[in-house]
Each structure stands twice: as structure tokens, then as C-alpha cells.
Amino acid sequence: MTAAGTSRPGETGTVPSSDPSPPSPLILLEWRGPVAVLTLNNPPVNVLTTPLLDELGRRVLELSRNHRVRALVITGSGERAFSGGASVREMVSMTRAEGARHSAKGQAITLLLEGAPFPVIAAVRGFCVGGGCEMVQACDFIIASDDASFGQPEINIGEVPGWGGSTRLPRTIGPVRARRWIMTGEKVSAAQALEDGFLDRVVPAADVLQTAVDFGTTLASKPAEALAASKYLINRTVDPDRARGLDYERWLWGLLFETPGQREGMRAFLEKRSAVFPLERRSAGEMPAFPWEALPQGVRRARSRKTGTRRHRSRTSRARRVPARGRASPVSKK
């Protein structure tokens, strides 16, 4: 067989290769001294697809086991976005159980970042929303460009943050600001995010990556074990019950799949139109059973006016307990 780049007898020129060009890696790794730089590389807006999450998880795990790494910087390729969040196209047809498993995958990535034995710094240019915003919340420091923006817009597709945002965001900026971010889905400017206490600092766009690397180099000069202990101690102190909160988030995120709001919101997003959500909340007792459909402890259910007896409360409408730590979330199928 004639190799590409050679000529057959009697021919001139080269034989073009029939092999397709290999796809660009979804995660790029670069070394800046003791600082590793991981770049999300899924243009145009670095959507967090399942293959990208798998590759990112593998890279972070490898770096966590590499004793040469003293700090990690995570950034996004291009100037438009750090990340546009999770892939709605992947999620639109998921069942509740599949949705809960996808939440578990995203949470696993954020836990790897949060638990890495070195400082993790997010260098953000452009917009950083949804799962991308949840990813940077798991980092120890966020350095953003002055034209960056952040947000948790899941409410607009009938969902809630499902990769740790509902747990970490209130911890970081407080419940009042977290409610505004999560319940409105509004875009938050870098200046406002800095004021809210979400960011470590804001710098000119051209300086973001170098500022993050320089800061990582400074941190790398500290004793590695004490640095890792400081990180672990702070995270443990401010949120000792994080695992239980993540379990609860994953369960609720899964339950919202197959609800009318989720179906309409995700389809409208993919069809590039405004969503038209139902005007009424679904009736209590329908599947799935949400926690707000249960009565507070000690409150009796009202008696039916027609029969004078208590209304039937189905097994599915009873309050579900938050999953125990380390156990799978209780997500049922229709």
C-alpha cells in the first residue's frame, strides 16, 4: 500500500489521505510550571456534553494523583463563553431516572474539583451559565473578566440547578441573593457577582488567564499539605452537611423531569422560541410526589365537605424522606 504523501510510479503529486482528521480533544492540558491549565474545548460556547464531562473527570482525577501539580486553572476556549452549561439536547427526552443519573454525573465532576488536593482556580471570560456556573462554584477561586456574566437560568427550562448549585450558591452568596439568582434565572454581571461575593476578583479580559496562572503560582509556593488541609477545613466548616444537600438536589432535579414545565421549557429552548408554561401548578397526589405536597408534621388533612371523611392520601403523595448519606436517591418511574 502506498503511504499518503508519496507518488505511485507514473504519477506526480501526492496521494491524499483517506483518513478523516482526528477530532479536537474536548479538554486541553497545558503546563505552566507547577500549575496545570485545563481548557474546555467544545466551541462555540463549550457546552458540557456527556463526552466532555467524562474527559474532564478523567483529567481532574489524573491530576489529583499527580504529585507535581500544585494548582489547577480551568478556563474555556474562545472569548465568547467559559461554558453555556449542560446540553439541553441530551436532556430533553430523559426520564426522571435518567435525569437523576445525569445530575449524579455533573455532581461527581464538581466534587472532584472541590476535593482536589490543590487549589482550583476558574478563569472566566464571556458568559458562564447553568452547569458551567455550577462548575466554577466548586472551584476555590473565580477570576473573571470585566465583561463576563453568570447565571443559573434552569428555571427557564422547567428545572433547578442539579450539579451542586442549589447547595453551593447559598453557601457562597447567602440565601437571599441565591433565591434571586435561581428563581429569576437572570444574567448577573461580573460587577454584580463581585459585589455578591461570588468572585475573587475582576480583571480586564486580556489578563484573565495570566492572572489566574500567576495566582496559582503564588499558591504553589505554599506548603502543599497545609494548603490541601486549609481547603478541606474551610469546605467542611462552611457546609458540613453538603452530601445530604447534594442527595436532595439530585432527587428533586430528577423529579422535575417529565413535568409539563420541563417538557415545554427544554423544547422551547431547542426550537428557539419563548416557552409557554402551564398557568396552574399540578394537582397534589399526581406522580411524582413533591415535598411541598406533604402536610407539615402535626397538621391534619382537611375533611371532605361531600363525604365528611378525610380525603384519601395516596402512598405516592406522602412526604419522601431525604436520602441517607451514601444511598441512591429515591427516583421512581411512571
Protein backbone atom coordinates (compact mmCIF):
# COMPACT_ATOMS: atom_id res chain seq x y z
CA MET A 1 0.00 0.00 0.00
CA THR A 2 1.32 3.42 -0.91
CA ALA A 3 1.64 5.75 2.04
CA ALA A 4 0.00 9.12 1.95
CA GLY A 5 2.41 11.78 0.79
CA THR A 6 4.16 9.50 -1.77
CA SER A 7 3.59 9.03 -5.52
CA ARG A 8 2.82 5.91 -7.47
CA PRO A 9 5.02 5.10 -10.48
CA GLY A 10 3.98 7.23 -13.45
CA GLU A 11 2.09 9.74 -11.27
CA THR A 12 3.03 13.11 -9.97
CA GLY A 13 1.95 14.85 -6.80
CA THR A 14 0.85 13.19 -3.59
CA VAL A 15 -1.86 10.76 -2.72
CA PRO A 16 -4.41 12.42 -0.38
CA SER A 17 -5.06 10.62 2.85
CA SER A 18 -8.45 8.94 3.09
CA ASP A 19 -8.35 9.01 6.89
CA PRO A 20 -10.58 11.70 8.43
CA SER A 21 -8.90 14.29 10.59
CA PRO A 22 -8.96 13.27 14.25
CA PRO A 23 -11.44 15.29 16.30
CA SER A 24 -10.05 18.01 18.50
CA PRO A 25 -9.77 16.96 22.16
CA LEU A 26 -12.61 18.22 24.32
CA ILE A 27 -10.20 19.04 27.14
CA LEU A 28 -6.82 20.67 26.51
CA LEU A 29 -4.00 20.31 29.05
CA GLU A 30 -1.17 22.83 29.35
CA TRP A 31 1.56 23.18 31.95
CA ARG A 32 2.71 26.49 33.38
CA GLY A 33 5.40 25.36 35.79
CA PRO A 34 3.67 23.69 38.77
CA VAL A 35 0.28 24.97 37.53
CA ALA A 36 -1.84 22.78 35.24
CA VAL A 37 -4.30 24.53 32.93
CA LEU A 38 -7.36 22.65 31.67
CA THR A 39 -9.34 24.26 28.85
CA LEU A 40 -12.91 23.29 27.95
CA ASN A 41 -12.73 22.91 24.17
CA ASN A 42 -16.20 22.48 22.71
CA PRO A 43 -16.81 25.58 20.57
CA PRO A 44 -18.64 27.78 20.06
CA VAL A 45 -19.78 28.01 23.72
CA ASN A 46 -18.19 24.96 25.38
CA VAL A 47 -21.42 23.08 26.07
CA LEU A 48 -20.88 20.43 28.75
CA THR A 49 -21.82 17.29 26.85
CA THR A 50 -21.52 13.83 28.35
CA PRO A 51 -18.26 13.06 26.47
CA LEU A 52 -16.77 16.34 27.67
CA LEU A 53 -17.77 15.61 31.27
CA ASP A 54 -16.25 12.14 31.05
CA GLU A 55 -12.98 13.52 29.71
CA LEU A 56 -12.89 16.33 32.26
CA GLY A 57 -13.46 13.90 35.11
CA ARG A 58 -10.65 11.66 33.86
CA ARG A 59 -8.26 14.61 33.56
CA VAL A 60 -9.01 16.02 37.02
CA LEU A 61 -8.64 12.59 38.59
CA GLU A 62 -5.27 12.07 36.88
CA LEU A 63 -4.04 15.48 38.01
CA SER A 64 -5.21 14.84 41.57
CA ARG A 65 -2.96 11.78 41.65
CA ASN A 66 0.00 13.65 40.16
CA HIS A 67 2.23 14.99 42.95
CA ARG A 68 3.78 17.55 40.55
CA VAL A 69 0.53 19.51 40.36
CA ARG A 70 0.43 22.31 42.88
CA ALA A 71 -2.50 24.30 41.46
CA LEU A 72 -5.09 23.92 38.70
CA VAL A 73 -6.63 26.58 36.46
CA ILE A 74 -9.80 25.80 34.48
CA THR A 75 -10.88 28.01 31.61
CA GLY A 76 -12.89 27.88 28.39
CA SER A 77 -11.70 28.11 24.82
CA GLY A 78 -12.50 31.27 22.88
CA GLU A 79 -13.65 34.63 24.13
CA ARG A 80 -17.41 34.15 23.92
CA ALA A 81 -18.05 31.82 26.84
CA PHE A 82 -16.49 29.85 29.65
CA SER A 83 -19.43 27.47 29.22
CA GLY A 84 -23.03 27.62 28.08
CA GLY A 85 -23.94 24.87 30.53
CA ALA A 86 -25.21 21.32 30.12
CA SER A 87 -26.52 20.01 26.81
CA VAL A 88 -30.28 20.56 26.66
CA ARG A 89 -30.35 18.43 23.53
CA GLU A 90 -29.09 15.48 25.57
CA MET A 91 -31.56 16.11 28.40
CA VAL A 92 -34.79 16.93 26.59
CA SER A 93 -36.05 13.34 26.31
CA MET A 94 -34.65 11.98 29.59
CA THR A 95 -36.88 10.19 32.06
CA ARG A 96 -36.82 11.04 35.76
CA ALA A 97 -34.37 8.21 36.48
CA GLU A 98 -32.12 9.24 33.60
CA GLY A 99 -32.26 12.85 34.75
CA ALA A 100 -31.19 11.88 38.25
CA ARG A 101 -28.27 9.89 36.83
CA HIS A 102 -27.22 12.88 34.72
CA SER A 103 -27.34 15.03 37.83
CA ALA A 104 -25.10 12.49 39.57
CA LYS A 105 -22.57 12.74 36.74
CA GLY A 106 -22.42 16.54 36.96
CA GLN A 107 -22.19 16.41 40.75
CA ALA A 108 -19.32 13.91 40.51
CA ILE A 109 -17.31 16.40 38.43
CA THR A 110 -17.89 19.24 40.87
CA LEU A 111 -16.98 17.01 43.80
CA LEU A 112 -13.70 16.10 42.08
CA LEU A 113 -12.87 19.78 41.71
CA GLU A 114 -13.91 20.59 45.26
CA GLY A 115 -11.99 17.65 46.68
CA ALA A 116 -8.79 18.04 44.64
CA PRO A 117 -5.71 18.23 46.91
CA PHE A 118 -4.62 21.58 45.46
CA PRO A 119 -6.24 24.97 44.81
CA VAL A 120 -8.52 25.12 41.78
CA ILE A 121 -8.95 28.49 40.08
CA ALA A 122 -11.61 29.25 37.45
CA ALA A 123 -10.58 31.80 34.81
CA VAL A 124 -13.80 33.04 33.23
CA ARG A 125 -14.29 35.05 30.05
CA GLY A 126 -17.69 35.64 28.47
CA PHE A 127 -20.82 34.06 29.84
CA CYS A 128 -20.80 31.24 32.37
CA VAL A 129 -24.26 29.79 32.97
CA GLY A 130 -26.09 26.69 34.13
CA GLY A 131 -23.78 23.74 34.64
CA GLY A 132 -20.81 25.95 33.82
CA CYS A 133 -21.73 28.29 36.66
CA GLU A 134 -22.11 25.31 38.98
CA MET A 135 -18.69 24.04 37.93
CA VAL A 136 -16.92 27.26 38.89
CA GLN A 137 -18.74 27.25 42.24
CA ALA A 138 -16.81 24.07 43.06
CA CYS A 139 -13.53 25.89 42.42
CA ASP A 140 -11.68 27.61 45.26
CA PHE A 141 -11.34 30.94 43.44
CA ILE A 142 -13.08 32.55 40.47
CA ILE A 143 -11.26 35.21 38.48
CA ALA A 144 -13.46 36.82 35.84
CA SER A 145 -13.12 39.30 33.02
CA ASP A 146 -14.88 42.61 33.37
CA ASP A 147 -17.24 41.63 30.55
CA ALA A 148 -18.11 38.21 32.00
CA SER A 149 -21.60 37.25 33.13
CA PHE A 150 -23.03 34.46 35.24
CA GLY A 151 -26.39 32.86 35.86
CA GLN A 152 -28.49 29.86 36.84
CA PRO A 153 -31.19 30.00 34.13
CA GLU A 154 -32.51 26.46 34.71
CA ILE A 155 -35.86 27.89 35.86
CA ASN A 156 -36.47 28.97 32.25
CA ILE A 157 -36.43 25.34 31.08
CA GLY A 158 -38.51 23.99 33.95
CA GLU A 159 -35.59 22.83 36.07
CA VAL A 160 -33.38 23.79 39.02
CA PRO A 161 -29.58 23.68 39.37
CA GLY A 162 -28.72 19.99 39.52
CA TRP A 163 -24.92 19.84 39.67
CA GLY A 164 -24.48 21.30 43.13
CA GLY A 165 -25.63 24.87 42.53
CA SER A 166 -28.59 24.75 44.90
CA THR A 167 -26.20 23.71 47.69
CA ARG A 168 -23.07 25.76 46.93
CA LEU A 169 -24.64 29.03 45.77
CA PRO A 170 -26.49 29.79 49.04
CA ARG A 171 -23.32 28.83 50.91
CA THR A 172 -21.30 31.30 48.84
CA ILE A 173 -23.58 34.34 48.45
CA GLY A 174 -26.28 33.69 51.06
CA PRO A 175 -29.89 32.54 50.64
CA VAL A 176 -31.36 35.95 49.74
CA ARG A 177 -29.10 36.50 46.74
CA ALA A 178 -29.22 32.80 45.82
CA ARG A 179 -33.02 32.95 45.60
CA ARG A 180 -32.77 35.83 43.14
CA TRP A 181 -30.19 34.03 41.00
CA ILE A 182 -32.05 30.71 40.95
CA MET A 183 -35.71 31.78 40.95
CA THR A 184 -35.41 34.51 38.32
CA GLY A 185 -32.75 32.96 36.11
CA GLU A 186 -31.44 36.45 35.40
CA LYS A 187 -28.00 37.16 33.97
CA VAL A 188 -25.59 38.56 36.57
CA SER A 189 -22.77 40.87 35.51
CA ALA A 190 -19.21 40.41 36.74
CA ALA A 191 -19.51 43.61 38.76
CA GLN A 192 -22.68 42.37 40.49
CA ALA A 193 -21.21 38.90 41.04
CA LEU A 194 -18.19 40.50 42.70
CA GLU A 195 -20.46 42.58 44.93
CA ASP A 196 -22.46 39.45 45.83
CA GLY A 197 -19.28 37.75 47.00
CA PHE A 198 -19.30 35.20 44.18
CA LEU A 199 -15.96 36.21 42.64
CA ASP A 200 -12.46 36.59 43.98
CA ARG A 201 -11.58 39.40 41.58
CA VAL A 202 -12.43 41.03 38.24
CA VAL A 203 -9.70 41.95 35.75
CA PRO A 204 -9.51 43.11 32.11
CA ALA A 205 -10.45 40.37 29.66
CA ALA A 206 -6.94 40.08 28.20
CA ASP A 207 -5.47 39.44 31.65
CA VAL A 208 -7.80 36.73 32.97
CA LEU A 209 -5.78 33.60 32.23
CA GLN A 210 -2.41 35.06 33.17
CA THR A 211 -3.82 36.48 36.41
CA ALA A 212 -5.17 33.03 37.30
CA VAL A 213 -1.85 31.33 36.47
CA ASP A 214 0.13 33.90 38.47
CA PHE A 215 -2.16 33.41 41.44
CA GLY A 216 -1.82 29.65 41.10
CA THR A 217 1.96 30.03 41.08
CA THR A 218 1.77 32.09 44.27
CA LEU A 219 -0.33 29.43 45.97
CA ALA A 220 2.03 26.73 44.71
CA SER A 221 4.81 28.31 46.76
CA LYS A 222 2.97 27.38 49.98
CA PRO A 223 3.43 24.00 51.70
CA ALA A 224 1.29 21.54 49.75
CA GLU A 225 -0.11 19.56 52.68
CA ALA A 226 -1.11 22.65 54.66
CA LEU A 227 -2.72 24.11 51.53
CA ALA A 228 -4.79 20.98 50.97
CA ALA A 229 -5.73 20.86 54.67
CA SER A 230 -6.84 24.52 54.56
CA LYS A 231 -9.07 23.83 51.57
CA TYR A 232 -10.63 20.77 53.17
CA LEU A 233 -11.13 22.50 56.52
CA ILE A 234 -12.87 25.55 55.05
CA ASN A 235 -15.24 23.47 52.89
CA ARG A 236 -16.02 21.18 55.81
CA THR A 237 -16.67 24.06 58.19
CA VAL A 238 -18.99 26.12 55.99
CA ASP A 239 -21.02 23.15 54.75
CA PRO A 240 -20.71 20.05 56.97
CA ASP A 241 -23.94 18.55 55.57
CA ARG A 242 -23.08 19.04 51.90
CA ALA A 243 -23.52 15.38 50.94
CA ARG A 244 -27.11 15.35 52.20
CA GLY A 245 -27.87 18.56 50.32
CA LEU A 246 -26.48 17.12 47.09
CA ASP A 247 -28.60 13.99 47.53
CA TYR A 248 -31.71 16.13 47.96
CA GLU A 249 -30.82 18.28 44.93
CA ARG A 250 -30.31 15.21 42.73
CA TRP A 251 -33.63 13.72 43.81
CA LEU A 252 -35.62 16.90 43.13
CA TRP A 253 -33.81 17.56 39.86
CA GLY A 254 -34.79 14.09 38.68
CA LEU A 255 -38.41 14.54 39.80
CA LEU A 256 -38.79 17.66 37.67
CA PHE A 257 -38.12 15.65 34.52
CA GLU A 258 -41.34 14.70 32.73
CA THR A 259 -43.24 17.59 34.34
CA PRO A 260 -45.09 19.94 31.95
CA GLY A 261 -42.77 22.84 32.69
CA GLN A 262 -39.63 20.82 31.94
CA ARG A 263 -41.04 19.40 28.70
CA GLU A 264 -42.15 22.81 27.43
CA GLY A 265 -39.08 24.69 28.65
CA MET A 266 -36.50 22.42 27.05
CA ARG A 267 -38.40 22.05 23.79
CA ALA A 268 -38.86 25.80 23.52
CA PHE A 269 -35.14 26.29 24.14
CA LEU A 270 -34.20 23.91 21.32
CA GLU A 271 -36.84 25.41 19.00
CA LYS A 272 -35.53 28.93 19.78
CA ARG A 273 -38.93 30.27 20.89
CA SER A 274 -40.44 31.65 24.06
CA ALA A 275 -41.76 28.98 26.39
CA VAL A 276 -45.48 28.92 27.27
CA PHE A 277 -45.70 27.36 30.71
CA PRO A 278 -48.92 25.96 32.28
CA LEU A 279 -50.86 28.57 34.25
CA GLU A 280 -51.56 26.26 37.18
CA ARG A 281 -49.40 24.09 39.37
CA ARG A 282 -50.17 20.38 39.01
CA SER A 283 -52.57 18.82 41.48
CA ALA A 284 -51.28 17.16 44.64
CA GLY A 285 -51.24 13.38 44.55
CA GLU A 286 -50.15 13.15 40.92
CA MET A 287 -46.87 11.44 40.12
CA PRO A 288 -44.21 12.36 41.00
CA ALA A 289 -44.80 13.35 44.64
CA PHE A 290 -43.03 16.58 45.55
CA PRO A 291 -42.08 17.53 49.12
CA TRP A 292 -44.33 20.61 49.23
CA GLU A 293 -47.38 18.37 48.69
CA ALA A 294 -46.99 16.86 52.15
CA LEU A 295 -48.61 18.43 55.17
CA PRO A 296 -46.37 19.80 57.92
CA GLN A 297 -45.99 17.40 60.81
CA GLY A 298 -48.88 17.67 63.27
CA VAL A 299 -51.31 19.25 60.78
CA ARG A 300 -54.36 17.15 59.93
CA ARG A 301 -55.70 16.96 56.40
CA ALA A 302 -58.99 18.83 55.89
CA ARG A 303 -62.15 16.75 55.81
CA SER A 304 -64.03 16.45 52.57
CA ARG A 305 -67.23 18.52 52.55
CA LYS A 306 -69.03 15.96 50.41
CA THR A 307 -68.35 12.87 52.49
CA GLY A 308 -67.30 14.23 55.85
CA THR A 309 -64.31 11.90 55.74
CA ARG A 310 -60.66 12.61 55.29
CA ARG A 311 -59.56 12.78 51.72
CA HIS A 312 -57.60 9.79 50.58
CA ARG A 313 -53.89 10.35 50.64
CA SER A 314 -52.18 8.02 48.24
CA ARG A 315 -48.89 6.41 49.03
CA THR A 316 -47.22 8.44 46.29
CA SER A 317 -48.29 11.77 47.81
CA ARG A 318 -46.67 11.13 51.19
CA ALA A 319 -43.57 13.07 52.06
CA ARG A 320 -40.44 11.36 50.93
CA ARG A 321 -37.51 11.36 53.23
CA VAL A 322 -34.26 12.87 52.11
CA PRO A 323 -31.96 10.01 51.07
CA ALA A 324 -29.49 8.86 53.68
CA ARG A 325 -25.89 9.76 53.05
CA GLY A 326 -24.27 7.43 50.59
CA ARG A 327 -27.56 5.88 49.39
CA ALA A 328 -29.09 6.25 45.97
CA SER A 329 -31.78 8.90 45.58
CA PRO A 330 -35.36 7.55 45.50
CA VAL A 331 -36.43 8.30 41.93
CA SER A 332 -39.41 6.32 40.69
CA LYS A 333 -40.61 5.74 37.15
CA LYS A 334 -44.12 6.11 35.86
